[in-house]
Amino acid sequence: MIVDIDDFNYSKIVEDCDTPIFIDFYSPSCPPCQELLPLLEPLDEYAKGEVLIAKVDVSRSPKIAQKFQIRGVPLCITIGVDKMVKEHKSGLGDANSYFKMIDKVLNKEKKGFFAKLFS
């Protein structure tokens, strides 16, 4: 399920969440944002409930936009269970980059040969 976060429910959703969170900051008037929104459903299916998938309309949530210092959209971030931002991606990227963000926040990213040897 993709959750809509706004200035009023941010604290309740983010602070009470016990899983990592992927947030898409967007604007309805932004064409690249509109291209990214349909990817949220496959991301949600991929995350299988291990990561909360959320979106924030920055035009309706100025306090959240200010909190994260949003200067342009789309902007996607991942927040770990420690409530710290783990990664961010600004602009429209390829679909695979967003799936990698999910893997990374879950520590499931594929590592290279030497990383496997020494980790």
Protein backbone atom coordinates (compact mmCIF):
# COMPACT_ATOMS: atom_id res chain seq x y z
CA MET A 1 0.00 0.00 0.00
CA ILE A 2 1.33 3.41 -0.96
CA VAL A 3 0.83 5.97 1.80
CA ASP A 4 0.15 9.66 1.24
CA ILE A 5 2.11 11.73 3.74
CA ASP A 6 1.30 15.37 4.45
CA ASP A 7 2.09 18.03 7.04
CA PHE A 8 -0.61 16.67 9.35
CA ASN A 9 0.17 12.95 9.39
CA TYR A 10 3.97 12.98 8.89
CA SER A 11 4.87 12.51 12.55
CA LYS A 12 2.35 9.76 13.11
CA ILE A 13 3.42 7.77 10.04
CA VAL A 14 7.17 8.29 9.99
CA GLU A 15 7.90 8.37 13.71
CA ASP A 16 5.72 5.31 14.42
CA CYS A 17 6.96 3.25 11.47
CA ASP A 18 9.12 0.27 12.43
CA THR A 19 10.35 -0.42 8.88
CA PRO A 20 12.51 1.61 6.50
CA ILE A 21 10.63 4.17 4.40
CA PHE A 22 10.92 5.17 0.73
CA ILE A 23 9.44 8.63 0.09
CA ASP A 24 8.75 10.21 -3.30
CA PHE A 25 8.48 14.00 -3.08
CA TYR A 26 6.51 15.24 -6.08
CA SER A 27 4.31 17.97 -7.47
CA PRO A 28 1.18 17.44 -9.60
CA SER A 29 2.43 20.08 -12.04
CA CYS A 30 5.79 18.35 -12.61
CA PRO A 31 5.91 16.10 -15.74
CA PRO A 32 8.89 14.01 -14.55
CA CYS A 33 7.08 13.49 -11.23
CA GLN A 34 4.06 12.16 -13.11
CA GLU A 35 6.33 9.67 -14.89
CA LEU A 36 7.71 8.46 -11.56
CA LEU A 37 4.38 8.01 -9.75
CA PRO A 38 3.36 4.83 -11.65
CA LEU A 39 6.62 3.19 -10.50
CA LEU A 40 5.53 3.35 -6.87
CA GLU A 41 3.14 0.41 -7.25
CA PRO A 42 5.84 -1.99 -8.57
CA LEU A 43 8.19 -0.70 -5.85
CA ASP A 44 5.57 -1.49 -3.23
CA GLU A 45 5.14 -5.01 -4.61
CA TYR A 46 8.92 -5.46 -4.68
CA ALA A 47 9.34 -4.25 -1.08
CA LYS A 48 6.78 -6.82 0.14
CA GLY A 49 5.95 -4.81 3.25
CA GLU A 50 9.58 -4.63 4.37
CA VAL A 51 9.73 -0.96 3.31
CA LEU A 52 6.90 1.54 3.59
CA ILE A 53 6.39 3.24 0.21
CA ALA A 54 5.09 6.80 0.56
CA LYS A 55 4.62 9.96 -1.45
CA VAL A 56 4.49 13.63 -0.48
CA ASP A 57 2.86 16.34 -2.60
CA VAL A 58 5.21 19.23 -1.79
CA SER A 59 2.68 21.81 -3.04
CA ARG A 60 0.32 20.72 -0.24
CA SER A 61 2.96 20.00 2.41
CA PRO A 62 5.24 23.03 2.76
CA LYS A 63 6.42 22.08 6.26
CA ILE A 64 7.74 18.70 5.11
CA ALA A 65 9.30 20.30 2.03
CA GLN A 66 11.07 22.77 4.31
CA LYS A 67 12.13 20.05 6.77
CA PHE A 68 13.86 18.10 3.99
CA GLN A 69 15.02 21.29 2.20
CA ILE A 70 13.33 20.27 -1.05
CA ARG A 71 14.61 22.52 -3.84
CA GLY A 72 13.35 20.51 -6.80
CA VAL A 73 11.20 17.52 -7.60
CA PRO A 74 11.06 14.66 -8.09
CA LEU A 75 13.20 13.75 -5.12
CA CYS A 76 13.21 10.29 -3.57
CA ILE A 77 14.74 9.40 -0.23
CA THR A 78 15.05 6.34 1.93
CA ILE A 79 14.84 6.57 5.70
CA GLY A 80 16.23 3.76 7.84
CA VAL A 81 14.64 2.33 10.97
CA ASP A 82 16.89 4.73 12.90
CA LYS A 83 14.91 7.59 11.22
CA MET A 84 18.01 8.86 9.42
CA VAL A 85 18.03 9.59 5.68
CA LYS A 86 20.08 6.82 4.08
CA GLU A 87 20.00 7.85 0.43
CA HIS A 88 18.48 10.43 -1.87
CA LYS A 89 17.99 10.66 -5.61
CA SER A 90 16.97 13.89 -7.30
CA GLY A 91 15.47 14.09 -10.74
CA LEU A 92 13.92 11.30 -12.74
CA GLY A 93 16.14 8.22 -12.84
CA ASP A 94 15.75 4.86 -14.46
CA ALA A 95 13.40 2.42 -12.72
CA ASN A 96 16.24 0.16 -11.64
CA SER A 97 17.81 2.91 -9.53
CA TYR A 98 14.73 3.06 -7.30
CA PHE A 99 14.72 -0.72 -6.80
CA LYS A 100 18.40 -0.43 -5.81
CA MET A 101 17.45 2.17 -3.21
CA ILE A 102 15.05 -0.37 -1.69
CA ASP A 103 17.73 -3.07 -1.72
CA LYS A 104 20.26 -0.75 -0.14
CA VAL A 105 18.02 0.36 2.73
CA LEU A 106 17.30 -3.33 3.41
CA ASN A 107 21.01 -4.21 3.13
CA LYS A 108 20.21 -6.54 0.23
CA GLU A 109 22.30 -4.82 -2.38
CA LYS A 110 24.50 -7.04 -4.45
CA LYS A 111 28.13 -6.57 -3.55
CA GLY A 112 31.21 -7.06 -5.64
CA PHE A 113 33.65 -9.93 -5.33
CA PHE A 114 36.02 -8.21 -2.86
CA ALA A 115 33.21 -6.88 -0.71
CA LYS A 116 31.91 -10.44 -0.31
CA LEU A 117 35.37 -11.67 0.67
CA PHE A 118 36.01 -9.05 3.30
CA SER A 119 32.56 -8.44 4.78
